[in-house]
Amino acid sequence: MLEGTSEPCNAWGSMKRMVLHEPRRIETAPLCLEEAPDLPPADHEIALAVRACAVCRTDLQLVEGDLSPRRLPLVVGHQVVGVVTDVGARVTRWSVGDRVAVGWLGAACGRCLHCIAGRENLCERAAFTGWDLDGGYATRIVVNAEFAFGLPAGFDEIEAAPLLCGGVIGYRSLKRAGVRPGARVGLYGFGASALLAMQIARHWGCHVFVATRSPLEQSRAREMGAVWAGGYDEEPPERLDCAVTFAPVGDVVIAALRATTRGGTVAINAIHLDRVPQFSYDLLWWERNLVSVANYTRQDATELLELAATIPLRTRFERHALDDANIALQRLRSGKVSGSAVLVM
């Protein structure tokens, strides 16, 4: 048996799911394959048959306890694509058979100042898929109908799954950085999210500069149309109008700020940084901006999915069976995943 393969904890039932009962190192296979009855949707919910769920580093942080689970037991996973199997009594937007995507933002209050201002990503009473709510490492899921998104016709379900975290957060990061058509855009780090952000920036006619420590990723960036690709310690050949940092390393943020021109913005696309190093105020002088990116709004996700079908965005992924979720997370942790890992039901 491959390391980390999970055996069923119970006999098969109508729904299969990988359940976290206690955070542990991923090498110990903390996700357990279980059966559960299908849950009927509440009045405001829809039930989905999950077709695919992409694997995210946040899932790994929850499973290993680096990010504390807000409930246990828990089903993680927040990049879900499925088909509607049942709708709640008050749901009018969706019908059985519709293809639907679900991401990290599972609910928001709709009443606070942030929600009213269109910044529901900052809602203090927001609930998150795979953290507060059971997520997509399962064959069935029940979700708030108002926080689901339609999949563009003809868009591949498995290819769409990785868009629902790295894609939409990368898109919001470009917006937070103030990217405009024709801008000189720096991408610091070149993982799955940056690969998607680069395709969007190129579609907008931007000149993209990529900094990454991997020679292989530097070569890949140039093949995808980057004007320049080099290491974090190298200066791009031109001053950047804006930049997005994807690496969770404070020194990388300072490198991006150093490369940015007057009035430019650096957006930090990371939940955590190892530290915020001391730096000279001269790097902020001339109205440079340093901003963070937190979650996304439904508007972001809607715009990204429409854009994904128009470009079209292409994702790189490897397929895994549901009961190999521990293995997929192990591969992610060890850096062996090329693009994204996707659980295919």
C-alpha atoms as a PDB file:
ATOM      1  CA  MET A   1       0.000   0.000   0.000  1.00  0.00           C
ATOM      2  CA  LEU A   2       1.310   3.506  -0.787  1.00  0.00           C
ATOM      3  CA  GLU A   3       2.220   5.601   2.238  1.00  0.00           C
ATOM      4  CA  GLY A   4      -0.772   7.596   3.426  1.00  0.00           C
ATOM      5  CA  THR A   5      -3.450   5.541   1.660  1.00  0.00           C
ATOM      6  CA  SER A   6      -6.586   5.512   3.830  1.00  0.00           C
ATOM      7  CA  GLU A   7      -8.650   2.471   4.597  1.00  0.00           C
ATOM      8  CA  PRO A   8     -12.391   2.869   5.099  1.00  0.00           C
ATOM      9  CA  CYS A   9     -13.312   3.537   8.727  1.00  0.00           C
ATOM     10  CA  ASN A  10     -16.837   2.235   8.192  1.00  0.00           C
ATOM     11  CA  ALA A  11     -18.780   0.274   5.636  1.00  0.00           C
ATOM     12  CA  TRP A  12     -19.753   2.111   2.455  1.00  0.00           C
ATOM     13  CA  GLY A  13     -22.822   4.318   2.644  1.00  0.00           C
ATOM     14  CA  SER A  14     -24.624   6.771   0.421  1.00  0.00           C
ATOM     15  CA  MET A  15     -21.909   9.438   0.783  1.00  0.00           C
ATOM     16  CA  LYS A  16     -18.141   9.031   1.057  1.00  0.00           C
ATOM     17  CA  ARG A  17     -15.968  11.663   2.684  1.00  0.00           C
ATOM     18  CA  MET A  18     -12.456  12.119   4.026  1.00  0.00           C
ATOM     19  CA  VAL A  19     -12.836  13.266   7.630  1.00  0.00           C
ATOM     20  CA  LEU A  20     -10.348  15.006   9.920  1.00  0.00           C
ATOM     21  CA  HIS A  21     -10.856  14.040  13.584  1.00  0.00           C
ATOM     22  CA  GLU A  22      -7.549  15.347  14.926  1.00  0.00           C
ATOM     23  CA  PRO A  23      -4.853  17.427  13.205  1.00  0.00           C
ATOM     24  CA  ARG A  24      -1.644  15.443  12.687  1.00  0.00           C
ATOM     25  CA  ARG A  25       1.335  15.395  10.350  1.00  0.00           C
ATOM     26  CA  ILE A  26       0.200  14.377   6.895  1.00  0.00           C
ATOM     27  CA  GLU A  27       2.598  11.387   6.865  1.00  0.00           C
ATOM     28  CA  THR A  28       0.354   9.749   9.481  1.00  0.00           C
ATOM     29  CA  ALA A  29      -2.673   9.880   7.117  1.00  0.00           C
ATOM     30  CA  PRO A  30      -4.964  11.941   9.403  1.00  0.00           C
ATOM     31  CA  LEU A  31      -7.867  11.972   6.917  1.00  0.00           C
ATOM     32  CA  CYS A  32     -10.141   8.980   7.373  1.00  0.00           C
ATOM     33  CA  LEU A  33     -12.488   7.618   4.709  1.00  0.00           C
ATOM     34  CA  GLU A  34     -15.998   7.351   6.163  1.00  0.00           C
ATOM     35  CA  GLU A  35     -19.586   6.870   5.138  1.00  0.00           C
ATOM     36  CA  ALA A  36     -22.392   9.289   5.997  1.00  0.00           C
ATOM     37  CA  PRO A  37     -26.016   9.737   4.982  1.00  0.00           C
ATOM     38  CA  ASP A  38     -26.757  12.331   2.328  1.00  0.00           C
ATOM     39  CA  LEU A  39     -27.887  15.562   3.982  1.00  0.00           C
ATOM     40  CA  PRO A  40     -31.012  17.310   2.637  1.00  0.00           C
ATOM     41  CA  PRO A  41     -30.490  21.012   1.915  1.00  0.00           C
ATOM     42  CA  ALA A  42     -32.037  23.625   4.193  1.00  0.00           C
ATOM     43  CA  ASP A  43     -34.386  26.178   2.653  1.00  0.00           C
ATOM     44  CA  HIS A  44     -31.498  28.442   1.499  1.00  0.00           C
ATOM     45  CA  GLU A  45     -29.160  25.655   0.418  1.00  0.00           C
ATOM     46  CA  ILE A  46     -28.429  23.378  -2.507  1.00  0.00           C
ATOM     47  CA  ALA A  47     -27.037  19.855  -2.465  1.00  0.00           C
ATOM     48  CA  LEU A  48     -24.301  18.903  -4.925  1.00  0.00           C
ATOM     49  CA  ALA A  49     -22.805  15.715  -6.249  1.00  0.00           C
ATOM     50  CA  VAL A  50     -19.124  16.618  -6.177  1.00  0.00           C
ATOM     51  CA  ARG A  51     -17.289  16.041  -9.443  1.00  0.00           C
ATOM     52  CA  ALA A  52     -13.902  17.458  -8.425  1.00  0.00           C
ATOM     53  CA  CYS A  53     -12.201  19.248  -5.542  1.00  0.00           C
ATOM     54  CA  ALA A  54      -8.767  20.811  -5.922  1.00  0.00           C
ATOM     55  CA  VAL A  55      -6.256  20.501  -3.098  1.00  0.00           C
ATOM     56  CA  CYS A  56      -4.912  23.673  -1.484  1.00  0.00           C
ATOM     57  CA  ARG A  57      -2.064  24.462   0.902  1.00  0.00           C
ATOM     58  CA  THR A  58      -4.669  25.844   3.316  1.00  0.00           C
ATOM     59  CA  ASP A  59      -6.159  22.319   3.459  1.00  0.00           C
ATOM     60  CA  LEU A  60      -2.725  21.049   4.467  1.00  0.00           C
ATOM     61  CA  GLN A  61      -2.397  23.730   7.151  1.00  0.00           C
ATOM     62  CA  LEU A  62      -5.760  22.711   8.611  1.00  0.00           C
ATOM     63  CA  VAL A  63      -5.004  18.990   8.477  1.00  0.00           C
ATOM     64  CA  GLU A  64      -1.637  19.434  10.182  1.00  0.00           C
ATOM     65  CA  GLY A  65      -2.875  22.002  12.708  1.00  0.00           C
ATOM     66  CA  ASP A  66      -0.821  24.988  11.528  1.00  0.00           C
ATOM     67  CA  LEU A  67      -4.204  26.649  11.040  1.00  0.00           C
ATOM     68  CA  SER A  68      -6.518  25.622  13.877  1.00  0.00           C
ATOM     69  CA  PRO A  69      -9.727  23.897  12.711  1.00  0.00           C
ATOM     70  CA  ARG A  70     -12.804  25.740  13.915  1.00  0.00           C
ATOM     71  CA  ARG A  71     -14.700  22.480  14.331  1.00  0.00           C
ATOM     72  CA  LEU A  72     -13.969  18.776  14.537  1.00  0.00           C
ATOM     73  CA  PRO A  73     -14.684  16.425  12.941  1.00  0.00           C
ATOM     74  CA  LEU A  74     -14.238  18.354   9.709  1.00  0.00           C
ATOM     75  CA  VAL A  75     -14.263  17.752   5.955  1.00  0.00           C
ATOM     76  CA  VAL A  76     -11.741  20.097   4.341  1.00  0.00           C
ATOM     77  CA  GLY A  77     -11.642  21.318   0.743  1.00  0.00           C
ATOM     78  CA  HIS A  78     -12.794  24.616  -0.736  1.00  0.00           C
ATOM     79  CA  GLN A  79     -12.302  24.349  -4.508  1.00  0.00           C
ATOM     80  CA  VAL A  80     -15.400  22.367  -5.372  1.00  0.00           C
ATOM     81  CA  VAL A  81     -17.153  21.704  -8.669  1.00  0.00           C
ATOM     82  CA  GLY A  82     -20.358  19.674  -8.721  1.00  0.00           C
ATOM     83  CA  VAL A  83     -23.830  19.151 -10.091  1.00  0.00           C
ATOM     84  CA  VAL A  84     -27.000  20.203  -8.229  1.00  0.00           C
ATOM     85  CA  THR A  85     -28.976  17.217  -6.966  1.00  0.00           C
ATOM     86  CA  ASP A  86     -31.496  18.985  -4.701  1.00  0.00           C
ATOM     87  CA  VAL A  87     -32.571  22.555  -3.911  1.00  0.00           C
ATOM     88  CA  GLY A  88     -34.002  24.140  -0.778  1.00  0.00           C
ATOM     89  CA  ALA A  89     -37.540  25.508  -0.617  1.00  0.00           C
ATOM     90  CA  ARG A  90     -36.491  29.158  -0.967  1.00  0.00           C
ATOM     91  CA  VAL A  91     -33.933  28.626  -3.740  1.00  0.00           C
ATOM     92  CA  THR A  92     -34.938  29.997  -7.143  1.00  0.00           C
ATOM     93  CA  ARG A  93     -31.548  30.579  -8.768  1.00  0.00           C
ATOM     94  CA  TRP A  94     -30.537  26.929  -9.213  1.00  0.00           C
ATOM     95  CA  SER A  95     -32.162  23.800 -10.634  1.00  0.00           C
ATOM     96  CA  VAL A  96     -31.315  20.129 -10.433  1.00  0.00           C
ATOM     97  CA  GLY A  97     -28.637  19.348 -13.021  1.00  0.00           C
ATOM     98  CA  ASP A  98     -26.928  22.776 -12.964  1.00  0.00           C
ATOM     99  CA  ARG A  99     -23.146  22.759 -12.846  1.00  0.00           C
ATOM    100  CA  VAL A 100     -21.948  24.749  -9.854  1.00  0.00           C
ATOM    101  CA  ALA A 101     -18.644  25.911  -8.364  1.00  0.00           C
ATOM    102  CA  VAL A 102     -18.044  26.593  -4.660  1.00  0.00           C
ATOM    103  CA  GLY A 103     -15.044  28.344  -3.105  1.00  0.00           C
ATOM    104  CA  TRP A 104     -13.571  29.430   0.220  1.00  0.00           C
ATOM    105  CA  LEU A 105     -16.220  32.046   1.109  1.00  0.00           C
ATOM    106  CA  GLY A 106     -19.196  29.996   2.271  1.00  0.00           C
ATOM    107  CA  ALA A 107     -21.350  32.715   3.858  1.00  0.00           C
ATOM    108  CA  ALA A 108     -21.314  36.332   5.031  1.00  0.00           C
ATOM    109  CA  CYS A 109     -23.738  38.285   7.187  1.00  0.00           C
ATOM    110  CA  GLY A 110     -24.816  40.745   4.452  1.00  0.00           C
ATOM    111  CA  ARG A 111     -25.546  43.425   7.078  1.00  0.00           C
ATOM    112  CA  CYS A 112     -22.230  44.734   8.403  1.00  0.00           C
ATOM    113  CA  LEU A 113     -20.481  47.805   6.983  1.00  0.00           C
ATOM    114  CA  HIS A 114     -18.027  45.624   5.071  1.00  0.00           C
ATOM    115  CA  CYS A 115     -20.783  43.614   3.375  1.00  0.00           C
ATOM    116  CA  ILE A 116     -22.815  46.710   2.563  1.00  0.00           C
ATOM    117  CA  ALA A 117     -19.713  48.292   0.999  1.00  0.00           C
ATOM    118  CA  GLY A 118     -19.163  45.281  -1.253  1.00  0.00           C
ATOM    119  CA  ARG A 119     -16.257  43.995   0.834  1.00  0.00           C
ATOM    120  CA  GLU A 120     -17.844  40.827   2.187  1.00  0.00           C
ATOM    121  CA  ASN A 121     -14.398  39.226   2.163  1.00  0.00           C
ATOM    122  CA  LEU A 122     -13.763  41.255   5.353  1.00  0.00           C
ATOM    123  CA  CYS A 123     -17.021  40.285   7.118  1.00  0.00           C
ATOM    124  CA  GLU A 124     -16.280  39.325  10.725  1.00  0.00           C
ATOM    125  CA  ARG A 125     -19.145  36.823  10.686  1.00  0.00           C
ATOM    126  CA  ALA A 126     -18.147  35.159   7.428  1.00  0.00           C
ATOM    127  CA  ALA A 127     -18.037  31.358   7.293  1.00  0.00           C
ATOM    128  CA  PHE A 128     -15.525  29.478   5.176  1.00  0.00           C
ATOM    129  CA  THR A 129     -15.880  26.248   3.246  1.00  0.00           C
ATOM    130  CA  GLY A 130     -13.665  23.506   4.635  1.00  0.00           C
ATOM    131  CA  TRP A 131     -12.994  25.458   7.852  1.00  0.00           C
ATOM    132  CA  ASP A 132     -16.313  26.504   9.425  1.00  0.00           C
ATOM    133  CA  LEU A 133     -18.385  24.383   7.025  1.00  0.00           C
ATOM    134  CA  ASP A 134     -17.771  20.878   5.706  1.00  0.00           C
ATOM    135  CA  GLY A 135     -15.957  21.076   2.401  1.00  0.00           C
ATOM    136  CA  GLY A 136     -15.412  19.184  -0.809  1.00  0.00           C
ATOM    137  CA  TYR A 137     -13.311  16.126   0.118  1.00  0.00           C
ATOM    138  CA  ALA A 138     -16.517  14.156  -0.286  1.00  0.00           C
ATOM    139  CA  THR A 139     -18.890  12.798  -2.898  1.00  0.00           C
ATOM    140  CA  ARG A 140     -21.703  15.093  -1.660  1.00  0.00           C
ATOM    141  CA  ILE A 141     -21.816  18.586  -0.170  1.00  0.00           C
ATOM    142  CA  VAL A 142     -24.535  21.023   0.944  1.00  0.00           C
ATOM    143  CA  VAL A 143     -23.830  24.740   0.444  1.00  0.00           C
ATOM    144  CA  ASN A 144     -25.469  28.153   0.735  1.00  0.00           C
ATOM    145  CA  ALA A 145     -27.113  28.753  -2.648  1.00  0.00           C
ATOM    146  CA  GLU A 146     -26.139  32.439  -2.664  1.00  0.00           C
ATOM    147  CA  PHE A 147     -22.441  31.592  -2.413  1.00  0.00           C
ATOM    148  CA  ALA A 148     -22.280  29.196  -5.358  1.00  0.00           C
ATOM    149  CA  PHE A 149     -21.321  30.128  -8.908  1.00  0.00           C
ATOM    150  CA  GLY A 150     -22.388  28.880 -12.290  1.00  0.00           C
ATOM    151  CA  LEU A 151     -19.770  27.243 -14.484  1.00  0.00           C
ATOM    152  CA  PRO A 152     -19.495  28.686 -18.022  1.00  0.00           C
ATOM    153  CA  ALA A 153     -20.858  26.337 -20.658  1.00  0.00           C
ATOM    154  CA  GLY A 154     -18.247  23.965 -22.022  1.00  0.00           C
ATOM    155  CA  PHE A 155     -15.706  24.752 -19.302  1.00  0.00           C
ATOM    156  CA  ASP A 156     -14.096  21.543 -18.061  1.00  0.00           C
ATOM    157  CA  GLU A 157     -15.098  20.709 -14.474  1.00  0.00           C
ATOM    158  CA  ILE A 158     -11.747  19.305 -13.385  1.00  0.00           C
ATOM    159  CA  GLU A 159      -9.818  22.163 -14.982  1.00  0.00           C
ATOM    160  CA  ALA A 160     -12.127  24.663 -13.272  1.00  0.00           C
ATOM    161  CA  ALA A 161     -11.538  23.374  -9.725  1.00  0.00           C
ATOM    162  CA  PRO A 162      -8.046  24.935  -9.213  1.00  0.00           C
ATOM    163  CA  LEU A 163      -9.439  28.331 -10.232  1.00  0.00           C
ATOM    164  CA  LEU A 164     -11.583  28.538  -7.103  1.00  0.00           C
ATOM    165  CA  CYS A 165      -8.776  29.464  -4.733  1.00  0.00           C
ATOM    166  CA  GLY A 166      -5.456  30.196  -6.429  1.00  0.00           C
ATOM    167  CA  GLY A 167      -7.225  31.566  -9.490  1.00  0.00           C
ATOM    168  CA  VAL A 168      -9.693  33.884  -7.790  1.00  0.00           C
ATOM    169  CA  ILE A 169      -7.214  35.030  -5.123  1.00  0.00           C
ATOM    170  CA  GLY A 170      -4.624  35.676  -7.829  1.00  0.00           C
ATOM    171  CA  TYR A 171      -7.228  37.693  -9.732  1.00  0.00           C
ATOM    172  CA  ARG A 172      -8.112  39.733  -6.645  1.00  0.00           C
ATOM    173  CA  SER A 173      -4.396  40.280  -6.010  1.00  0.00           C
ATOM    174  CA  LEU A 174      -3.980  41.779  -9.472  1.00  0.00           C
ATOM    175  CA  LYS A 175      -6.903  44.090  -8.742  1.00  0.00           C
ATOM    176  CA  ARG A 176      -5.474  45.052  -5.330  1.00  0.00           C
ATOM    177  CA  ALA A 177      -2.136  45.803  -6.992  1.00  0.00           C
ATOM    178  CA  GLY A 178      -3.903  48.182  -9.372  1.00  0.00           C
ATOM    179  CA  VAL A 179      -2.960  46.306 -12.534  1.00  0.00           C
ATOM    180  CA  ARG A 180      -4.027  48.123 -15.694  1.00  0.00           C
ATOM    181  CA  PRO A 181      -3.715  47.108 -19.360  1.00  0.00           C
ATOM    182  CA  GLY A 182      -0.148  47.535 -20.544  1.00  0.00           C
ATOM    183  CA  ALA A 183       1.338  47.756 -17.039  1.00  0.00           C
ATOM    184  CA  ARG A 184       4.714  46.319 -16.049  1.00  0.00           C
ATOM    185  CA  VAL A 185       3.685  43.656 -13.547  1.00  0.00           C
ATOM    186  CA  GLY A 186       5.980  41.710 -11.239  1.00  0.00           C
ATOM    187  CA  LEU A 187       5.046  38.240  -9.990  1.00  0.00           C
ATOM    188  CA  TYR A 188       7.203  37.085  -7.084  1.00  0.00           C
ATOM    189  CA  GLY A 189       6.833  33.316  -6.811  1.00  0.00           C
ATOM    190  CA  PHE A 190       5.570  31.143  -9.638  1.00  0.00           C
ATOM    191  CA  GLY A 191       3.315  28.428  -8.251  1.00  0.00           C
ATOM    192  CA  ALA A 192      -0.228  27.505  -9.273  1.00  0.00           C
ATOM    193  CA  SER A 193      -1.773  30.900  -8.392  1.00  0.00           C
ATOM    194  CA  ALA A 194       0.929  32.890 -10.183  1.00  0.00           C
ATOM    195  CA  LEU A 195       0.601  30.698 -13.290  1.00  0.00           C
ATOM    196  CA  LEU A 196      -3.045  31.744 -13.529  1.00  0.00           C
ATOM    197  CA  ALA A 197      -2.357  35.395 -12.658  1.00  0.00           C
ATOM    198  CA  MET A 198       0.213  35.546 -15.437  1.00  0.00           C
ATOM    199  CA  GLN A 199      -2.315  34.347 -18.012  1.00  0.00           C
ATOM    200  CA  ILE A 200      -4.737  37.067 -16.896  1.00  0.00           C
ATOM    201  CA  ALA A 201      -2.082  39.794 -16.949  1.00  0.00           C
ATOM    202  CA  ARG A 202      -0.926  38.721 -20.403  1.00  0.00           C
ATOM    203  CA  HIS A 203      -4.556  38.766 -21.603  1.00  0.00           C
ATOM    204  CA  TRP A 204      -4.726  42.379 -20.415  1.00  0.00           C
ATOM    205  CA  GLY A 205      -1.651  43.237 -22.491  1.00  0.00           C
ATOM    206  CA  CYS A 206       0.670  43.600 -19.495  1.00  0.00           C
ATOM    207  CA  HIS A 207       4.434  43.125 -19.536  1.00  0.00           C
ATOM    208  CA  VAL A 208       5.123  40.423 -16.941  1.00  0.00           C
ATOM    209  CA  PHE A 209       8.337  40.047 -14.934  1.00  0.00           C
ATOM    210  CA  VAL A 210       8.713  36.884 -12.837  1.00  0.00           C
ATOM    211  CA  ALA A 211      10.988  36.335  -9.843  1.00  0.00           C
ATOM    212  CA  THR A 212      11.384  32.801  -8.518  1.00  0.00           C
ATOM    213  CA  ARG A 213      14.240  30.800  -7.036  1.00  0.00           C
ATOM    214  CA  SER A 214      13.593  27.811  -9.335  1.00  0.00           C
ATOM    215  CA  PRO A 215      15.497  27.789 -12.662  1.00  0.00           C
ATOM    216  CA  LEU A 216      12.814  25.448 -14.029  1.00  0.00           C
ATOM    217  CA  GLU A 217      10.051  27.915 -13.119  1.00  0.00           C
ATOM    218  CA  GLN A 218      12.092  30.782 -14.579  1.00  0.00           C
ATOM    219  CA  SER A 219      12.306  28.867 -17.853  1.00  0.00           C
ATOM    220  CA  ARG A 220       8.580  28.077 -17.760  1.00  0.00           C
ATOM    221  CA  ALA A 221       7.759  31.744 -17.149  1.00  0.00           C
ATOM    222  CA  ARG A 222       9.778  32.793 -20.185  1.00  0.00           C
ATOM    223  CA  GLU A 223       8.045  30.128 -22.291  1.00  0.00           C
ATOM    224  CA  MET A 224       4.690  31.586 -21.183  1.00  0.00           C
ATOM    225  CA  GLY A 225       5.673  35.045 -22.350  1.00  0.00           C
ATOM    226  CA  ALA A 226       7.412  36.698 -19.413  1.00  0.00           C
ATOM    227  CA  VAL A 227       9.547  39.656 -20.477  1.00  0.00           C
ATOM    228  CA  TRP A 228      12.087  38.642 -17.842  1.00  0.00           C
ATOM    229  CA  ALA A 229      12.522  35.884 -15.264  1.00  0.00           C
ATOM    230  CA  GLY A 230      15.171  35.769 -12.557  1.00  0.00           C
ATOM    231  CA  GLY A 231      15.838  35.144  -8.880  1.00  0.00           C
ATOM    232  CA  TYR A 232      14.453  37.005  -5.891  1.00  0.00           C
ATOM    233  CA  ASP A 233      17.799  38.702  -5.370  1.00  0.00           C
ATOM    234  CA  GLU A 234      17.980  40.010  -8.944  1.00  0.00           C
ATOM    235  CA  GLU A 235      16.696  43.410 -10.062  1.00  0.00           C
ATOM    236  CA  PRO A 236      14.267  43.339 -13.017  1.00  0.00           C
ATOM    237  CA  PRO A 237      15.595  45.257 -16.038  1.00  0.00           C
ATOM    238  CA  GLU A 238      12.745  47.789 -15.766  1.00  0.00           C
ATOM    239  CA  ARG A 239      10.955  49.439 -12.847  1.00  0.00           C
ATOM    240  CA  LEU A 240       7.631  47.758 -12.103  1.00  0.00           C
ATOM    241  CA  ASP A 241       4.318  49.601 -12.041  1.00  0.00           C
ATOM    242  CA  CYS A 242       2.965  47.036  -9.593  1.00  0.00           C
ATOM    243  CA  ALA A 243       3.728  43.588  -8.201  1.00  0.00           C
ATOM    244  CA  VAL A 244       2.138  40.626  -6.445  1.00  0.00           C
ATOM    245  CA  THR A 245       4.096  38.445  -4.031  1.00  0.00           C
ATOM    246  CA  PHE A 246       3.039  34.797  -3.746  1.00  0.00           C
ATOM    247  CA  ALA A 247       5.912  33.439  -1.643  1.00  0.00           C
ATOM    248  CA  PRO A 248       5.152  33.587   2.136  1.00  0.00           C
ATOM    249  CA  VAL A 249       8.537  35.199   2.793  1.00  0.00           C
ATOM    250  CA  GLY A 250       8.964  38.740   4.079  1.00  0.00           C
ATOM    251  CA  ASP A 251      12.254  39.283   2.254  1.00  0.00           C
ATOM    252  CA  VAL A 252      10.471  38.660  -1.060  1.00  0.00           C
ATOM    253  CA  VAL A 253       7.972  41.421  -0.249  1.00  0.00           C
ATOM    254  CA  ILE A 254      10.854  43.853   0.280  1.00  0.00           C
ATOM    255  CA  ALA A 255      12.476  42.754  -2.992  1.00  0.00           C
ATOM    256  CA  ALA A 256       9.221  43.480  -4.833  1.00  0.00           C
ATOM    257  CA  LEU A 257       8.870  46.863  -3.140  1.00  0.00           C
ATOM    258  CA  ARG A 258      12.448  47.730  -4.082  1.00  0.00           C
ATOM    259  CA  ALA A 259      11.714  46.960  -7.751  1.00  0.00           C
ATOM    260  CA  THR A 260       8.507  49.034  -7.878  1.00  0.00           C
ATOM    261  CA  THR A 261       8.413  52.536  -9.310  1.00  0.00           C
ATOM    262  CA  ARG A 262       7.019  55.705  -7.720  1.00  0.00           C
ATOM    263  CA  GLY A 263       3.307  55.431  -6.989  1.00  0.00           C
ATOM    264  CA  GLY A 264       3.380  51.664  -7.511  1.00  0.00           C
ATOM    265  CA  THR A 265       1.676  49.008  -5.370  1.00  0.00           C
ATOM    266  CA  VAL A 266       2.846  45.665  -4.019  1.00  0.00           C
ATOM    267  CA  ALA A 267       0.030  43.259  -3.082  1.00  0.00           C
ATOM    268  CA  ILE A 268       0.863  40.405  -0.693  1.00  0.00           C
ATOM    269  CA  ASN A 269      -0.939  37.232  -1.710  1.00  0.00           C
ATOM    270  CA  ALA A 270      -0.239  35.178   1.424  1.00  0.00           C
ATOM    271  CA  ILE A 271      -2.205  34.225   4.523  1.00  0.00           C
ATOM    272  CA  HIS A 272       0.997  34.181   6.591  1.00  0.00           C
ATOM    273  CA  LEU A 273       4.483  35.627   6.194  1.00  0.00           C
ATOM    274  CA  ASP A 274       7.492  34.203   7.991  1.00  0.00           C
ATOM    275  CA  ARG A 275       8.190  37.747   9.217  1.00  0.00           C
ATOM    276  CA  VAL A 276       8.037  41.389   8.159  1.00  0.00           C
ATOM    277  CA  PRO A 277      11.694  42.452   8.028  1.00  0.00           C
ATOM    278  CA  GLN A 278      12.869  45.920   8.880  1.00  0.00           C
ATOM    279  CA  PHE A 279      13.322  48.088   5.806  1.00  0.00           C
ATOM    280  CA  SER A 280      14.161  51.643   4.904  1.00  0.00           C
ATOM    281  CA  TYR A 281      11.308  54.114   4.633  1.00  0.00           C
ATOM    282  CA  ASP A 282      12.813  55.136   1.291  1.00  0.00           C
ATOM    283  CA  LEU A 283      11.163  52.029  -0.197  1.00  0.00           C
ATOM    284  CA  LEU A 284       7.705  53.437   0.673  1.00  0.00           C
ATOM    285  CA  TRP A 285       8.561  57.059  -0.108  1.00  0.00           C
ATOM    286  CA  TRP A 286       7.128  58.494  -3.342  1.00  0.00           C
ATOM    287  CA  GLU A 287       3.692  57.139  -2.508  1.00  0.00           C
ATOM    288  CA  ARG A 288       4.424  53.485  -3.015  1.00  0.00           C
ATOM    289  CA  ASN A 289       1.769  51.226  -1.494  1.00  0.00           C
ATOM    290  CA  LEU A 290       1.990  47.932   0.361  1.00  0.00           C
ATOM    291  CA  VAL A 291      -1.336  46.073   0.673  1.00  0.00           C
ATOM    292  CA  SER A 292      -2.560  42.652   1.772  1.00  0.00           C
ATOM    293  CA  VAL A 293      -5.112  40.371   0.125  1.00  0.00           C
ATOM    294  CA  ALA A 294      -7.726  38.620   2.267  1.00  0.00           C
ATOM    295  CA  ASN A 295     -10.198  36.103   0.831  1.00  0.00           C
ATOM    296  CA  TYR A 296     -12.347  37.200  -2.117  1.00  0.00           C
ATOM    297  CA  THR A 297     -15.822  38.522  -2.873  1.00  0.00           C
ATOM    298  CA  ARG A 298     -18.519  36.831  -4.920  1.00  0.00           C
ATOM    299  CA  GLN A 299     -18.003  39.531  -7.530  1.00  0.00           C
ATOM    300  CA  ASP A 300     -14.346  38.505  -7.812  1.00  0.00           C
ATOM    301  CA  ALA A 301     -15.286  34.858  -8.350  1.00  0.00           C
ATOM    302  CA  THR A 302     -17.969  35.680 -10.905  1.00  0.00           C
ATOM    303  CA  GLU A 303     -15.605  37.914 -12.893  1.00  0.00           C
ATOM    304  CA  LEU A 304     -12.805  35.343 -12.747  1.00  0.00           C
ATOM    305  CA  LEU A 305     -14.970  32.463 -14.031  1.00  0.00           C
ATOM    306  CA  GLU A 306     -16.257  34.602 -16.902  1.00  0.00           C
ATOM    307  CA  LEU A 307     -12.693  35.657 -17.724  1.00  0.00           C
ATOM    308  CA  ALA A 308     -11.473  32.063 -17.454  1.00  0.00           C
ATOM    309  CA  ALA A 309     -13.845  30.978 -20.191  1.00  0.00           C
ATOM    310  CA  THR A 310     -12.981  33.992 -22.379  1.00  0.00           C
ATOM    311  CA  ILE A 311      -9.165  33.735 -22.302  1.00  0.00           C
ATOM    312  CA  PRO A 312      -9.464  30.688 -21.768  1.00  0.00           C
ATOM    313  CA  LEU A 313      -7.438  30.030 -18.619  1.00  0.00           C
ATOM    314  CA  ARG A 314      -5.517  26.763 -18.619  1.00  0.00           C
ATOM    315  CA  THR A 315      -4.637  24.937 -15.416  1.00  0.00           C
ATOM    316  CA  ARG A 316      -2.017  22.252 -14.876  1.00  0.00           C
ATOM    317  CA  PHE A 317      -3.154  19.465 -12.586  1.00  0.00           C
ATOM    318  CA  GLU A 318      -2.727  15.875 -11.528  1.00  0.00           C
ATOM    319  CA  ARG A 319      -5.695  13.637 -10.676  1.00  0.00           C
ATOM    320  CA  HIS A 320      -6.197  11.702  -7.443  1.00  0.00           C
ATOM    321  CA  ALA A 321      -9.014   9.502  -6.175  1.00  0.00           C
ATOM    322  CA  LEU A 322     -10.932  10.731  -3.114  1.00  0.00           C
ATOM    323  CA  ASP A 323      -9.410   8.077  -0.865  1.00  0.00           C
ATOM    324  CA  ASP A 324      -5.930   9.198  -1.903  1.00  0.00           C
ATOM    325  CA  ALA A 325      -6.416  12.662  -0.379  1.00  0.00           C
ATOM    326  CA  ASN A 326      -3.653  12.018   2.172  1.00  0.00           C
ATOM    327  CA  ILE A 327      -1.257  11.156  -0.646  1.00  0.00           C
ATOM    328  CA  ALA A 328      -2.216  14.288  -2.609  1.00  0.00           C
ATOM    329  CA  LEU A 329      -1.518  16.430   0.458  1.00  0.00           C
ATOM    330  CA  GLN A 330       1.788  14.643   1.037  1.00  0.00           C
ATOM    331  CA  ARG A 331       2.826  15.414  -2.530  1.00  0.00           C
ATOM    332  CA  LEU A 332       1.806  19.041  -2.079  1.00  0.00           C
ATOM    333  CA  ARG A 333       3.837  19.326   1.126  1.00  0.00           C
ATOM    334  CA  SER A 334       6.937  17.831  -0.473  1.00  0.00           C
ATOM    335  CA  GLY A 335       6.715  20.083  -3.539  1.00  0.00           C
ATOM    336  CA  LYS A 336       6.064  17.219  -5.958  1.00  0.00           C
ATOM    337  CA  VAL A 337       2.760  18.537  -7.342  1.00  0.00           C
ATOM    338  CA  SER A 338       3.059  20.030 -10.799  1.00  0.00           C
ATOM    339  CA  GLY A 339       0.412  22.770 -10.911  1.00  0.00           C
ATOM    340  CA  SER A 340      -2.509  21.599  -8.755  1.00  0.00           C
ATOM    341  CA  ALA A 341      -3.662  18.282  -7.305  1.00  0.00           C
ATOM    342  CA  VAL A 342      -7.349  17.566  -7.911  1.00  0.00           C
ATOM    343  CA  LEU A 343      -9.501  14.928  -6.228  1.00  0.00           C
ATOM    344  CA  VAL A 344     -11.793  13.463  -8.865  1.00  0.00           C
ATOM    345  CA  MET A 345     -14.908  11.706  -7.598  1.00  0.00           C
END
